[in-house]
Amino acid sequence: MARAHLTAGLTTFVAVAVIGSATALAGPDHIGARRCGACHEAEYQAWRKTPHAQALARLSEKQQQNAQCRSCHTMDPWSSDPELAGVQCESCHGAGRAYAPDLVMRDEELSRLMGLEKITEATCRPCHRADAPRLRAFDYATLVKQVNHAEARTPRRAPAPAQP
C-alpha cells in the first residue's frame, strides 16, 4: 500500500517537474525524429523507409513553399528547419518535449499523461481528409501498414539498479 502511494506520488512529482521544465524552455515542443531515434533506433530506421519520411520531398517546389501543404507535410509549417521536414514521429504521436525524457518514457501511464498519443484512424484524419489532394481515396486499414513500425521495436533498456 505504501509503495502504491509512493509510486503515485513520484509519478505526480515527475509530471509536475517535467511539465514545469518543458514549459520553461524556449521554442517549439517538437524535438524531431532524429532525437526520438536516439532511443528508438529500430523504429526510426523503419520510419525512414516510409512515405511519411519523404512527405515534404514528394511535393513540388511550389507546394513546398505553401503553408497549407506544409501543415501536413512537415512538423511545423512555418519552420524551414530540415530536421522538422516530413511526417515525423511527433506528427502522429504528439509533440515530444514533455514525454521524451527517459524517466517519463519508461512509464507508459506517465508518458500518456505527458502527451504521447496512441495512433488511431482519427490521428490521420486531419491530413488525410476526403478533400485532401490524393491519387486514391484514403483507406486507413490498408495505408497504415505502409507506415506502421510496431514490428521494429528497440529493446527497452533495463532500469538502473537501485542505489543502497
Protein backbone atom coordinates (compact mmCIF):
# COMPACT_ATOMS: atom_id res chain seq x y z
CA MET A 1 0.00 0.00 0.00
CA ALA A 2 2.77 2.41 0.92
CA ARG A 3 4.59 1.53 -2.31
CA ALA A 4 1.49 2.39 -4.37
CA HIS A 5 1.26 5.80 -2.69
CA LEU A 6 4.99 6.34 -3.21
CA THR A 7 4.70 5.40 -6.89
CA ALA A 8 1.67 7.65 -7.40
CA GLY A 9 3.42 10.48 -5.58
CA LEU A 10 6.60 10.03 -7.63
CA THR A 11 4.59 9.96 -10.87
CA THR A 12 2.85 13.20 -9.91
CA PHE A 13 6.16 14.82 -8.90
CA VAL A 14 7.84 13.80 -12.16
CA ALA A 15 4.85 15.01 -14.20
CA VAL A 16 4.90 18.40 -12.49
CA ALA A 17 8.70 18.68 -12.77
CA VAL A 18 8.73 17.74 -16.45
CA ILE A 19 5.78 19.97 -17.32
CA GLY A 20 7.42 22.83 -15.48
CA SER A 21 10.74 22.37 -17.23
CA ALA A 22 9.12 21.84 -20.63
CA THR A 23 7.06 25.00 -20.41
CA ALA A 24 10.09 26.98 -19.28
CA LEU A 25 12.04 26.03 -22.39
CA ALA A 26 12.01 28.40 -25.31
CA GLY A 27 11.00 27.17 -28.73
CA PRO A 28 8.56 24.60 -30.08
CA ASP A 29 7.51 21.46 -28.26
CA HIS A 30 8.66 19.25 -31.16
CA ILE A 31 12.03 17.57 -30.78
CA GLY A 32 12.29 15.89 -34.20
CA ALA A 33 12.62 12.30 -35.38
CA ARG A 34 16.39 12.20 -35.04
CA ARG A 35 16.12 12.80 -31.30
CA CYS A 36 13.37 10.16 -31.00
CA GLY A 37 15.65 7.81 -32.92
CA ALA A 38 18.42 8.19 -30.36
CA CYS A 39 16.44 5.83 -28.10
CA HIS A 40 14.06 4.23 -30.63
CA GLU A 41 16.64 3.32 -33.27
CA ALA A 42 14.77 0.41 -34.88
CA GLU A 43 11.57 2.44 -35.14
CA TYR A 44 13.49 5.41 -36.55
CA GLN A 45 15.15 3.27 -39.24
CA ALA A 46 11.79 1.73 -40.16
CA TRP A 47 10.17 5.20 -40.35
CA ARG A 48 12.91 6.48 -42.67
CA LYS A 49 11.74 3.93 -45.29
CA THR A 50 8.09 5.07 -45.19
CA PRO A 51 6.24 7.57 -47.40
CA HIS A 52 5.84 9.77 -44.31
CA ALA A 53 9.59 10.35 -44.10
CA GLN A 54 9.62 11.74 -47.65
CA ALA A 55 6.32 13.64 -47.41
CA LEU A 56 7.83 17.10 -48.00
CA ALA A 57 10.23 15.94 -50.71
CA ARG A 58 7.31 14.43 -52.64
CA LEU A 59 5.75 17.88 -53.12
CA SER A 60 6.56 20.21 -56.00
CA GLU A 61 8.85 23.16 -55.22
CA LYS A 62 5.84 25.49 -55.23
CA GLN A 63 3.87 23.21 -52.88
CA GLN A 64 6.87 23.02 -50.54
CA GLN A 65 6.54 26.79 -50.01
CA ASN A 66 2.78 26.65 -49.42
CA ALA A 67 1.86 26.75 -45.69
CA GLN A 68 -1.33 24.78 -46.30
CA CYS A 69 0.65 21.94 -47.90
CA ARG A 70 3.39 22.22 -45.28
CA SER A 71 0.85 21.91 -42.47
CA CYS A 72 0.58 18.19 -43.26
CA HIS A 73 3.93 17.54 -44.94
CA THR A 74 6.15 18.95 -42.16
CA MET A 75 6.12 19.13 -38.39
CA ASP A 76 5.91 22.93 -38.39
CA PRO A 77 4.57 24.72 -41.49
CA TRP A 78 6.34 27.96 -40.53
CA SER A 79 9.77 26.44 -39.92
CA SER A 80 12.43 25.97 -42.58
CA ASP A 81 14.37 23.63 -40.26
CA PRO A 82 15.11 20.48 -42.31
CA GLU A 83 15.07 18.50 -39.05
CA LEU A 84 11.29 19.07 -38.95
CA ALA A 85 10.59 18.13 -42.60
CA GLY A 86 8.28 15.25 -43.39
CA VAL A 87 5.64 13.49 -41.33
CA GLN A 88 7.68 12.53 -38.30
CA CYS A 89 7.14 10.65 -35.04
CA GLU A 90 5.50 13.62 -33.35
CA SER A 91 3.13 14.27 -36.25
CA CYS A 92 1.31 11.16 -35.10
CA HIS A 93 2.45 10.59 -31.51
CA GLY A 94 2.19 14.24 -30.36
CA ALA A 95 4.85 16.85 -29.61
CA GLY A 96 7.51 15.08 -27.56
CA ARG A 97 9.32 17.62 -25.44
CA ALA A 98 7.29 16.71 -22.32
CA TYR A 99 7.28 12.92 -22.75
CA ALA A 100 10.73 12.39 -24.31
CA PRO A 101 12.79 12.23 -21.08
CA ASP A 102 13.85 8.63 -20.43
CA LEU A 103 12.27 8.56 -16.98
CA VAL A 104 8.91 9.50 -18.48
CA MET A 105 9.13 7.11 -21.45
CA ARG A 106 9.80 4.18 -19.11
CA ASP A 107 6.36 4.70 -17.52
CA GLU A 108 3.57 4.07 -20.03
CA GLU A 109 0.91 5.82 -17.95
CA LEU A 110 3.10 8.85 -17.31
CA SER A 111 4.15 9.13 -20.96
CA ARG A 112 0.46 9.16 -21.98
CA LEU A 113 -0.25 11.82 -19.34
CA MET A 114 2.61 13.88 -20.78
CA GLY A 115 1.19 13.76 -24.31
CA LEU A 116 2.30 10.52 -26.01
CA GLU A 117 -0.67 9.64 -28.19
CA LYS A 118 -1.94 6.26 -29.32
CA ILE A 119 -2.44 6.05 -33.08
CA THR A 120 -5.96 5.61 -34.41
CA GLU A 121 -7.65 6.49 -37.68
CA ALA A 122 -8.67 9.80 -36.05
CA THR A 123 -4.94 10.61 -35.72
CA CYS A 124 -4.60 10.51 -39.51
CA ARG A 125 -7.81 12.32 -40.46
CA PRO A 126 -6.65 15.94 -40.03
CA CYS A 127 -4.32 15.45 -43.02
CA HIS A 128 -5.98 12.52 -44.78
CA ARG A 129 -9.31 14.29 -45.26
CA ALA A 130 -11.74 13.49 -48.05
CA ASP A 131 -10.96 16.86 -49.67
CA ALA A 132 -7.15 16.48 -49.44
CA PRO A 133 -5.41 16.12 -52.81
CA ARG A 134 -4.69 12.42 -53.34
CA LEU A 135 -4.38 9.99 -56.20
CA ARG A 136 -6.64 7.48 -54.46
CA ALA A 137 -9.03 7.50 -51.50
CA PHE A 138 -7.56 7.18 -48.00
CA ASP A 139 -8.08 3.67 -46.65
CA TYR A 140 -6.72 3.58 -43.10
CA ALA A 141 -6.66 -0.21 -42.77
CA THR A 142 -4.53 -0.56 -45.90
CA LEU A 143 -2.34 2.52 -45.70
CA VAL A 144 -1.43 2.31 -42.01
CA LYS A 145 0.55 -0.82 -42.92
CA GLN A 146 2.85 1.35 -45.08
CA VAL A 147 3.86 3.49 -42.12
CA ASN A 148 3.48 1.01 -39.26
CA HIS A 149 6.72 0.47 -37.39
CA ALA A 150 5.32 -1.55 -34.47
CA GLU A 151 7.27 -4.63 -35.51
CA ALA A 152 10.52 -2.67 -35.43
CA ARG A 153 10.95 -2.44 -31.68
CA THR A 154 14.08 -1.20 -29.99
CA PRO A 155 14.59 -3.36 -26.89
CA ARG A 156 13.94 -1.42 -23.70
CA ARG A 157 16.98 -0.73 -21.63
CA ALA A 158 16.89 -2.23 -18.16
CA PRO A 159 16.40 0.33 -15.40
CA ALA A 160 19.50 1.25 -13.45
CA PRO A 161 19.87 -0.79 -10.26
CA ALA A 162 18.66 0.95 -7.11
CA GLN A 163 21.36 2.57 -5.03
CA PRO A 164 21.63 1.30 -1.43
